[in-house]
């Protein structure tokens, strides 16, 4: 099973503030949907709660320390090993790590592919993408999107671990 990570980050690795995204780029949301559709998403409890519901067409694993936490239509897990095992046992071929900052940090060493949207944003945040050594990764795809009156400029990059 391939482990992939999908994230959108600003110029200073900003991810969010007050458990909310810092921008809304329609094309990036569509890329997220297309890329993850039919797969399993592993995300932290706060990320799930900021979304508010399971995303259609995908299985959701919610990582939490709270042993009593449950959400219908999702599976609650209490360790990464448990999440990886459940995804493998269900026949998943590509598990997507979908946030937040702490989950990205915990899983980065296990990730084979990263789908990163680099957004031209510099501003306040309280959640940041973890630092990583770009020399460990090879860029295999890249697309530029200019700023519009409705969105910031951004670049979509697919990286594979070397």
N, C-alpha and C. Protein backbone atom coordinates (compact mmCIF):
# COMPACT_ATOMS: atom_id res chain seq x y z
N UNK A 1 0.84 -1.19 0.00
CA UNK A 1 0.00 0.00 0.00
C UNK A 1 0.88 1.24 0.00
N UNK A 2 0.55 2.16 -0.87
CA UNK A 2 1.26 3.43 -0.94
C UNK A 2 0.64 4.38 0.08
N UNK A 3 1.50 5.13 0.78
CA UNK A 3 1.04 6.16 1.71
C UNK A 3 1.33 7.52 1.08
N UNK A 4 0.27 8.29 0.86
CA UNK A 4 0.40 9.61 0.26
C UNK A 4 -0.07 10.66 1.23
N UNK A 5 0.45 11.86 1.06
CA UNK A 5 0.09 12.99 1.90
C UNK A 5 -0.44 14.07 0.96
N UNK A 6 -1.51 14.73 1.35
CA UNK A 6 -2.08 15.80 0.54
C UNK A 6 -2.30 17.01 1.43
N UNK A 7 -1.77 18.17 0.99
CA UNK A 7 -1.84 19.37 1.83
C UNK A 7 -1.72 20.61 0.96
N UNK A 8 -2.22 21.72 1.49
CA UNK A 8 -2.04 23.03 0.89
C UNK A 8 -1.36 23.91 1.93
N UNK A 9 -0.27 24.56 1.54
CA UNK A 9 0.50 25.34 2.49
C UNK A 9 0.93 26.67 1.89
N UNK A 10 1.08 27.66 2.75
CA UNK A 10 1.50 28.99 2.33
C UNK A 10 3.01 29.10 2.22
N UNK A 11 3.47 30.30 1.93
CA UNK A 11 4.90 30.56 1.73
C UNK A 11 5.75 30.21 2.96
N UNK A 12 5.19 30.36 4.14
CA UNK A 12 5.89 30.03 5.38
C UNK A 12 5.42 28.72 5.97
N UNK A 13 4.92 27.81 5.13
CA UNK A 13 4.39 26.51 5.51
C UNK A 13 3.09 26.62 6.31
N UNK A 14 2.38 27.76 6.23
CA UNK A 14 1.12 27.95 6.94
C UNK A 14 0.07 26.96 6.43
N UNK A 15 -0.67 26.38 7.38
CA UNK A 15 -1.77 25.46 7.05
C UNK A 15 -3.12 26.03 7.43
N UNK A 16 -3.21 26.65 8.60
CA UNK A 16 -4.50 27.13 9.06
C UNK A 16 -4.39 27.99 10.29
N UNK A 17 -5.54 28.51 10.69
CA UNK A 17 -5.63 29.32 11.90
C UNK A 17 -7.00 29.06 12.52
N UNK A 18 -7.00 28.87 13.84
CA UNK A 18 -8.24 28.60 14.57
C UNK A 18 -9.02 27.44 13.95
N UNK A 19 -8.28 26.41 13.53
CA UNK A 19 -8.85 25.19 12.96
C UNK A 19 -9.62 25.44 11.66
N UNK A 20 -9.23 26.48 10.93
CA UNK A 20 -9.85 26.81 9.65
C UNK A 20 -8.77 27.00 8.59
N UNK A 21 -9.13 26.76 7.34
CA UNK A 21 -8.21 27.01 6.25
C UNK A 21 -8.03 28.51 6.07
N UNK A 22 -6.90 28.90 5.50
CA UNK A 22 -6.57 30.31 5.33
C UNK A 22 -7.01 30.86 3.98
N UNK A 23 -7.39 30.00 3.07
CA UNK A 23 -7.82 30.40 1.72
C UNK A 23 -8.80 29.36 1.21
N UNK A 24 -9.51 29.71 0.17
CA UNK A 24 -10.44 28.79 -0.48
C UNK A 24 -10.23 28.92 -1.98
N UNK A 25 -9.60 27.90 -2.55
CA UNK A 25 -9.29 27.89 -3.97
C UNK A 25 -10.07 26.73 -4.59
N UNK A 26 -11.06 27.06 -5.39
CA UNK A 26 -11.97 26.06 -5.95
C UNK A 26 -11.20 24.95 -6.68
N UNK A 27 -10.23 25.32 -7.51
CA UNK A 27 -9.47 24.33 -8.29
C UNK A 27 -8.68 23.39 -7.38
N UNK A 28 -8.20 23.91 -6.26
CA UNK A 28 -7.46 23.06 -5.32
C UNK A 28 -8.41 22.07 -4.64
N UNK A 29 -9.61 22.53 -4.27
CA UNK A 29 -10.61 21.62 -3.69
C UNK A 29 -10.96 20.52 -4.70
N UNK A 30 -11.11 20.89 -5.97
CA UNK A 30 -11.43 19.90 -7.00
C UNK A 30 -10.29 18.89 -7.17
N UNK A 31 -9.05 19.37 -7.10
CA UNK A 31 -7.89 18.47 -7.17
C UNK A 31 -7.90 17.50 -5.99
N UNK A 32 -8.16 18.01 -4.79
CA UNK A 32 -8.24 17.16 -3.60
C UNK A 32 -9.29 16.08 -3.80
N UNK A 33 -10.47 16.47 -4.25
CA UNK A 33 -11.57 15.52 -4.45
C UNK A 33 -11.19 14.46 -5.48
N UNK A 34 -10.70 14.89 -6.63
CA UNK A 34 -10.35 13.96 -7.71
C UNK A 34 -9.24 12.99 -7.27
N UNK A 35 -8.24 13.51 -6.57
CA UNK A 35 -7.09 12.70 -6.17
C UNK A 35 -7.44 11.68 -5.11
N UNK A 36 -8.31 12.05 -4.17
CA UNK A 36 -8.61 11.18 -3.03
C UNK A 36 -9.87 10.33 -3.21
N UNK A 37 -10.66 10.59 -4.22
CA UNK A 37 -11.93 9.88 -4.40
C UNK A 37 -11.72 8.37 -4.48
N UNK A 38 -12.51 7.64 -3.72
CA UNK A 38 -12.44 6.18 -3.71
C UNK A 38 -11.37 5.62 -2.80
N UNK A 39 -10.65 6.48 -2.11
CA UNK A 39 -9.56 6.04 -1.22
C UNK A 39 -9.92 6.29 0.24
N UNK A 40 -9.00 5.91 1.11
CA UNK A 40 -9.14 6.14 2.54
C UNK A 40 -8.36 7.37 2.93
N UNK A 41 -8.99 8.24 3.73
CA UNK A 41 -8.34 9.43 4.29
C UNK A 41 -8.05 9.18 5.76
N UNK A 42 -6.85 9.50 6.19
CA UNK A 42 -6.49 9.45 7.60
C UNK A 42 -6.25 10.89 8.03
N UNK A 43 -7.01 11.33 9.04
CA UNK A 43 -6.88 12.70 9.52
C UNK A 43 -7.07 12.75 11.03
N UNK A 44 -6.59 13.82 11.61
CA UNK A 44 -6.77 14.04 13.04
C UNK A 44 -8.18 14.47 13.36
N UNK A 45 -8.52 14.37 14.62
CA UNK A 45 -9.87 14.72 15.08
C UNK A 45 -10.21 16.17 14.79
N UNK A 46 -9.29 17.10 15.05
CA UNK A 46 -9.58 18.51 14.82
C UNK A 46 -9.82 18.79 13.34
N UNK A 47 -9.05 18.17 12.48
CA UNK A 47 -9.25 18.34 11.04
C UNK A 47 -10.63 17.82 10.65
N UNK A 48 -10.97 16.64 11.13
CA UNK A 48 -12.30 16.09 10.83
C UNK A 48 -13.40 17.05 11.31
N UNK A 49 -13.27 17.54 12.53
CA UNK A 49 -14.31 18.42 13.07
C UNK A 49 -14.39 19.74 12.30
N UNK A 50 -13.27 20.20 11.74
CA UNK A 50 -13.34 21.43 10.94
C UNK A 50 -14.08 21.19 9.63
N UNK A 51 -14.01 19.96 9.11
CA UNK A 51 -14.78 19.60 7.91
C UNK A 51 -16.24 19.36 8.30
N UNK A 52 -16.44 18.69 9.43
CA UNK A 52 -17.78 18.53 9.98
C UNK A 52 -18.53 17.28 9.58
N UNK A 53 -18.03 16.55 8.58
CA UNK A 53 -18.73 15.35 8.13
C UNK A 53 -17.76 14.51 7.30
N UNK A 54 -18.08 13.23 7.13
CA UNK A 54 -17.25 12.41 6.23
C UNK A 54 -17.38 12.92 4.80
N UNK A 55 -16.30 12.89 4.06
CA UNK A 55 -16.34 13.32 2.67
C UNK A 55 -16.89 12.19 1.81
N UNK A 56 -17.85 12.48 0.95
CA UNK A 56 -18.47 11.44 0.12
C UNK A 56 -17.46 10.69 -0.74
N UNK A 57 -17.69 9.38 -0.89
CA UNK A 57 -16.86 8.57 -1.78
C UNK A 57 -15.52 8.18 -1.22
N UNK A 58 -15.30 8.45 0.05
CA UNK A 58 -14.03 8.11 0.70
C UNK A 58 -14.29 7.54 2.09
N UNK A 59 -13.43 6.62 2.52
CA UNK A 59 -13.47 6.14 3.89
C UNK A 59 -12.66 7.12 4.74
N UNK A 60 -13.08 7.34 5.98
CA UNK A 60 -12.37 8.28 6.85
C UNK A 60 -11.92 7.57 8.12
N UNK A 61 -10.63 7.68 8.39
CA UNK A 61 -10.04 7.23 9.65
C UNK A 61 -9.72 8.47 10.46
N UNK A 62 -10.25 8.56 11.68
CA UNK A 62 -10.01 9.72 12.54
C UNK A 62 -9.04 9.31 13.64
N UNK A 63 -7.87 9.93 13.66
CA UNK A 63 -6.86 9.65 14.67
C UNK A 63 -7.09 10.56 15.87
N UNK A 64 -7.26 9.94 17.05
CA UNK A 64 -7.50 10.71 18.27
C UNK A 64 -6.96 9.94 19.48
N UNK A 65 -6.61 10.72 20.50
CA UNK A 65 -6.20 10.10 21.77
C UNK A 65 -7.41 9.77 22.64
N UNK A 66 -8.55 10.40 22.34
CA UNK A 66 -9.78 10.24 23.12
C UNK A 66 -10.39 8.86 22.84
N UNK A 67 -10.29 7.98 23.81
CA UNK A 67 -10.77 6.60 23.66
C UNK A 67 -12.28 6.51 23.48
N UNK A 68 -13.02 7.55 23.87
CA UNK A 68 -14.48 7.50 23.76
C UNK A 68 -15.01 8.22 22.51
N UNK A 69 -14.12 8.78 21.71
CA UNK A 69 -14.55 9.55 20.53
C UNK A 69 -15.08 8.62 19.44
N UNK A 70 -16.26 8.93 18.93
CA UNK A 70 -16.86 8.15 17.84
C UNK A 70 -17.64 9.08 16.94
N UNK A 71 -17.64 8.77 15.65
CA UNK A 71 -18.45 9.48 14.66
C UNK A 71 -19.03 8.44 13.71
N UNK A 72 -20.32 8.55 13.45
CA UNK A 72 -20.93 7.59 12.54
C UNK A 72 -20.32 7.76 11.15
N UNK A 73 -20.28 6.70 10.40
CA UNK A 73 -19.75 6.65 9.04
C UNK A 73 -18.23 6.84 8.97
N UNK A 74 -17.55 6.86 10.11
CA UNK A 74 -16.09 6.97 10.16
C UNK A 74 -15.55 5.90 11.11
N UNK A 75 -14.26 5.66 11.02
CA UNK A 75 -13.61 4.74 11.94
C UNK A 75 -12.63 5.55 12.79
N UNK A 76 -12.76 5.41 14.10
CA UNK A 76 -11.85 6.08 15.01
C UNK A 76 -10.67 5.17 15.28
N UNK A 77 -9.47 5.75 15.20
CA UNK A 77 -8.24 5.00 15.49
C UNK A 77 -7.45 5.75 16.55
N UNK A 78 -6.58 5.01 17.23
CA UNK A 78 -5.82 5.61 18.33
C UNK A 78 -4.31 5.52 18.12
N UNK A 79 -3.91 5.00 16.95
CA UNK A 79 -2.48 4.96 16.61
C UNK A 79 -2.35 4.90 15.09
N UNK A 80 -1.20 5.33 14.62
CA UNK A 80 -0.93 5.24 13.18
C UNK A 80 -0.87 3.79 12.74
N UNK A 81 -0.25 2.94 13.55
CA UNK A 81 -0.17 1.51 13.19
C UNK A 81 -1.56 0.93 12.97
N UNK A 82 -2.49 1.29 13.83
CA UNK A 82 -3.87 0.81 13.69
C UNK A 82 -4.47 1.31 12.37
N UNK A 83 -4.24 2.55 12.03
CA UNK A 83 -4.76 3.11 10.79
C UNK A 83 -4.16 2.45 9.56
N UNK A 84 -2.84 2.26 9.56
CA UNK A 84 -2.18 1.60 8.43
C UNK A 84 -2.69 0.17 8.27
N UNK A 85 -2.84 -0.54 9.39
CA UNK A 85 -3.32 -1.92 9.34
C UNK A 85 -4.75 -1.99 8.80
N UNK A 86 -5.63 -1.14 9.29
CA UNK A 86 -7.02 -1.15 8.81
C UNK A 86 -7.10 -0.84 7.31
N UNK A 87 -6.30 0.11 6.86
CA UNK A 87 -6.31 0.46 5.43
C UNK A 87 -5.83 -0.72 4.60
N UNK A 88 -4.73 -1.35 5.04
CA UNK A 88 -4.21 -2.53 4.31
C UNK A 88 -5.23 -3.65 4.28
N UNK A 89 -5.83 -3.94 5.44
CA UNK A 89 -6.79 -5.05 5.54
C UNK A 89 -8.03 -4.80 4.69
N UNK A 90 -8.36 -3.54 4.45
CA UNK A 90 -9.55 -3.24 3.63
C UNK A 90 -9.22 -3.25 2.14
N UNK A 91 -7.94 -3.52 1.81
CA UNK A 91 -7.54 -3.59 0.41
C UNK A 91 -7.16 -2.25 -0.20
N UNK A 92 -6.96 -1.25 0.64
CA UNK A 92 -6.60 0.08 0.14
C UNK A 92 -5.26 0.03 -0.58
N UNK A 93 -5.18 0.66 -1.75
CA UNK A 93 -3.90 0.70 -2.47
C UNK A 93 -3.16 2.03 -2.27
N UNK A 94 -3.90 3.10 -1.86
CA UNK A 94 -3.26 4.38 -1.58
C UNK A 94 -4.00 5.07 -0.44
N UNK A 95 -3.37 5.11 0.71
CA UNK A 95 -3.90 5.78 1.89
C UNK A 95 -3.46 7.24 1.85
N UNK A 96 -4.40 8.18 2.06
CA UNK A 96 -4.08 9.59 2.03
C UNK A 96 -4.07 10.19 3.43
N UNK A 97 -2.95 10.80 3.79
CA UNK A 97 -2.83 11.56 5.03
C UNK A 97 -3.37 12.95 4.72
N UNK A 98 -4.40 13.37 5.46
CA UNK A 98 -5.11 14.60 5.11
C UNK A 98 -5.10 15.66 6.21
N UNK A 99 -4.14 15.59 7.13
CA UNK A 99 -4.01 16.66 8.12
C UNK A 99 -4.46 16.24 9.51
N UNK A 100 -4.29 17.10 10.42
CA UNK A 100 -3.67 18.40 10.40
C UNK A 100 -2.18 18.36 10.65
N UNK A 101 -1.68 19.47 11.15
CA UNK A 101 -0.24 19.68 11.29
C UNK A 101 0.43 18.56 12.08
N UNK A 102 -0.14 18.19 13.20
CA UNK A 102 0.47 17.15 14.05
C UNK A 102 0.46 15.79 13.35
N UNK A 103 -0.62 15.49 12.63
CA UNK A 103 -0.69 14.21 11.90
C UNK A 103 0.32 14.21 10.75
N UNK A 104 0.47 15.34 10.06
CA UNK A 104 1.50 15.42 9.02
C UNK A 104 2.88 15.15 9.61
N UNK A 105 3.16 15.76 10.76
CA UNK A 105 4.46 15.58 11.40
C UNK A 105 4.69 14.12 11.80
N UNK A 106 3.66 13.48 12.35
CA UNK A 106 3.79 12.09 12.80
C UNK A 106 3.96 11.11 11.64
N UNK A 107 3.42 11.45 10.47
CA UNK A 107 3.39 10.49 9.36
C UNK A 107 4.44 10.74 8.29
N UNK A 108 5.11 11.87 8.32
CA UNK A 108 6.01 12.27 7.22
C UNK A 108 7.04 11.19 6.88
N UNK A 109 7.56 10.50 7.88
CA UNK A 109 8.57 9.45 7.62
C UNK A 109 8.00 8.22 6.91
N UNK A 110 6.68 8.07 6.91
CA UNK A 110 6.04 6.90 6.29
C UNK A 110 5.52 7.18 4.88
N UNK A 111 5.58 8.43 4.48
CA UNK A 111 4.94 8.86 3.23
C UNK A 111 5.82 8.55 2.02
N UNK A 112 5.18 8.02 0.96
CA UNK A 112 5.85 7.72 -0.31
C UNK A 112 5.68 8.83 -1.33
N UNK A 113 4.52 9.50 -1.30
CA UNK A 113 4.18 10.54 -2.28
C UNK A 113 3.55 11.71 -1.53
N UNK A 114 3.90 12.93 -1.97
CA UNK A 114 3.25 14.13 -1.43
C UNK A 114 2.62 14.92 -2.57
N UNK A 115 1.35 15.25 -2.39
CA UNK A 115 0.63 16.15 -3.29
C UNK A 115 0.52 17.47 -2.53
N UNK A 116 1.33 18.45 -2.92
CA UNK A 116 1.37 19.71 -2.19
C UNK A 116 0.91 20.86 -3.07
N UNK A 117 0.03 21.67 -2.52
CA UNK A 117 -0.38 22.91 -3.17
C UNK A 117 0.32 24.04 -2.43
N UNK A 118 1.23 24.70 -3.12
CA UNK A 118 1.97 25.82 -2.56
C UNK A 118 1.23 27.10 -2.92
N UNK A 119 0.61 27.73 -1.92
CA UNK A 119 -0.24 28.89 -2.13
C UNK A 119 0.56 30.16 -1.81
N UNK A 120 0.42 31.16 -2.67
CA UNK A 120 1.10 32.45 -2.46
C UNK A 120 0.39 33.20 -1.34
N UNK A 121 0.65 32.74 -0.13
CA UNK A 121 0.03 33.32 1.06
C UNK A 121 1.12 33.54 2.09
N UNK A 122 1.12 34.72 2.67
CA UNK A 122 1.98 35.01 3.81
C UNK A 122 1.11 35.75 4.81
N UNK A 123 0.90 35.14 5.95
CA UNK A 123 0.03 35.78 6.93
C UNK A 123 -0.01 34.99 8.22
N UNK A 124 -0.96 35.35 9.04
CA UNK A 124 -1.08 34.73 10.36
C UNK A 124 -1.59 33.30 10.24
N UNK A 125 -1.04 32.46 11.10
CA UNK A 125 -1.43 31.06 11.17
C UNK A 125 -1.07 30.53 12.55
N UNK A 126 -1.69 29.43 12.92
CA UNK A 126 -1.29 28.76 14.16
C UNK A 126 -1.01 27.28 13.92
N UNK A 127 -1.09 26.86 12.66
CA UNK A 127 -0.76 25.49 12.28
C UNK A 127 0.14 25.54 11.06
N UNK A 128 1.23 24.76 11.12
CA UNK A 128 2.25 24.81 10.08
C UNK A 128 2.60 23.40 9.61
N UNK A 129 2.88 23.28 8.32
CA UNK A 129 3.36 22.02 7.76
C UNK A 129 4.76 21.77 8.30
N UNK A 130 5.10 20.51 8.62
CA UNK A 130 6.44 20.23 9.16
C UNK A 130 7.54 20.48 8.13
N UNK A 131 8.69 20.85 8.62
CA UNK A 131 9.85 20.99 7.74
C UNK A 131 10.25 19.62 7.23
N UNK A 132 10.74 19.57 5.99
CA UNK A 132 11.22 18.32 5.42
C UNK A 132 12.38 18.63 4.50
N UNK A 133 13.21 17.63 4.25
CA UNK A 133 14.39 17.81 3.40
C UNK A 133 13.98 17.56 1.95
N UNK A 134 13.97 18.60 1.15
CA UNK A 134 13.55 18.49 -0.24
C UNK A 134 14.48 17.56 -1.02
N UNK A 135 15.70 17.35 -0.55
CA UNK A 135 16.64 16.45 -1.23
C UNK A 135 16.20 14.99 -1.16
N UNK A 136 15.25 14.68 -0.28
CA UNK A 136 14.72 13.32 -0.16
C UNK A 136 13.59 13.06 -1.15
N UNK A 137 13.26 14.06 -1.96
CA UNK A 137 12.08 13.99 -2.82
C UNK A 137 12.42 14.38 -4.25
N UNK A 138 11.69 13.79 -5.18
CA UNK A 138 11.84 14.11 -6.60
C UNK A 138 10.50 14.67 -7.09
N UNK A 139 10.55 15.83 -7.74
CA UNK A 139 9.35 16.43 -8.31
C UNK A 139 8.99 15.70 -9.59
N UNK A 140 7.79 15.13 -9.65
CA UNK A 140 7.37 14.37 -10.83
C UNK A 140 6.26 15.08 -11.62
N UNK A 141 5.59 16.03 -10.99
CA UNK A 141 4.56 16.82 -11.67
C UNK A 141 4.53 18.20 -11.04
N UNK A 142 4.20 19.20 -11.85
CA UNK A 142 4.07 20.55 -11.35
C UNK A 142 3.18 21.35 -12.29
N UNK A 143 2.25 22.11 -11.73
CA UNK A 143 1.38 23.00 -12.51
C UNK A 143 1.24 24.32 -11.79
N UNK A 144 1.33 25.40 -12.53
CA UNK A 144 1.19 26.76 -11.99
C UNK A 144 -0.22 27.27 -12.24
N UNK A 145 -0.77 27.98 -11.27
CA UNK A 145 -2.09 28.60 -11.39
C UNK A 145 -1.94 30.07 -11.01
N UNK A 146 -2.22 30.99 -11.93
CA UNK A 146 -2.08 32.41 -11.61
C UNK A 146 -3.18 32.90 -10.67
N UNK A 147 -2.92 34.02 -10.03
CA UNK A 147 -3.94 34.64 -9.18
C UNK A 147 -5.10 35.10 -10.04
N UNK A 148 -6.28 35.06 -9.46
CA UNK A 148 -7.48 35.59 -10.12
C UNK A 148 -8.15 36.53 -9.12
N UNK A 149 -9.25 37.12 -9.54
CA UNK A 149 -9.97 37.99 -8.61
C UNK A 149 -10.63 37.18 -7.50
N UNK A 150 -10.67 35.84 -7.64
CA UNK A 150 -11.30 34.99 -6.63
C UNK A 150 -10.31 34.11 -5.86
N UNK A 151 -9.03 34.06 -6.30
CA UNK A 151 -8.09 33.19 -5.59
C UNK A 151 -6.65 33.67 -5.72
N UNK A 152 -5.85 33.23 -4.78
CA UNK A 152 -4.43 33.51 -4.79
C UNK A 152 -3.73 32.64 -5.84
N UNK A 153 -2.54 33.05 -6.25
CA UNK A 153 -1.72 32.21 -7.13
C UNK A 153 -1.26 30.99 -6.32
N UNK A 154 -1.11 29.88 -7.02
CA UNK A 154 -0.65 28.67 -6.34
C UNK A 154 -0.01 27.73 -7.35
N UNK A 155 0.73 26.77 -6.80
CA UNK A 155 1.42 25.78 -7.62
C UNK A 155 1.15 24.41 -7.04
N UNK A 156 0.73 23.49 -7.90
CA UNK A 156 0.44 22.12 -7.50
C UNK A 156 1.64 21.27 -7.85
N UNK A 157 2.17 20.54 -6.86
CA UNK A 157 3.37 19.75 -7.04
C UNK A 157 3.13 18.32 -6.53
N UNK A 158 3.60 17.36 -7.30
CA UNK A 158 3.60 15.97 -6.84
C UNK A 158 5.05 15.57 -6.65
N UNK A 159 5.36 15.11 -5.43
CA UNK A 159 6.72 14.70 -5.07
C UNK A 159 6.72 13.21 -4.72
N UNK A 160 7.73 12.50 -5.18
CA UNK A 160 7.92 11.09 -4.81
C UNK A 160 9.21 10.95 -4.03
N UNK A 161 9.16 10.14 -2.99
CA UNK A 161 10.36 9.92 -2.17
C UNK A 161 11.42 9.23 -3.01
N UNK A 162 12.65 9.70 -2.91
CA UNK A 162 13.78 9.11 -3.65
C UNK A 162 14.23 7.85 -2.95
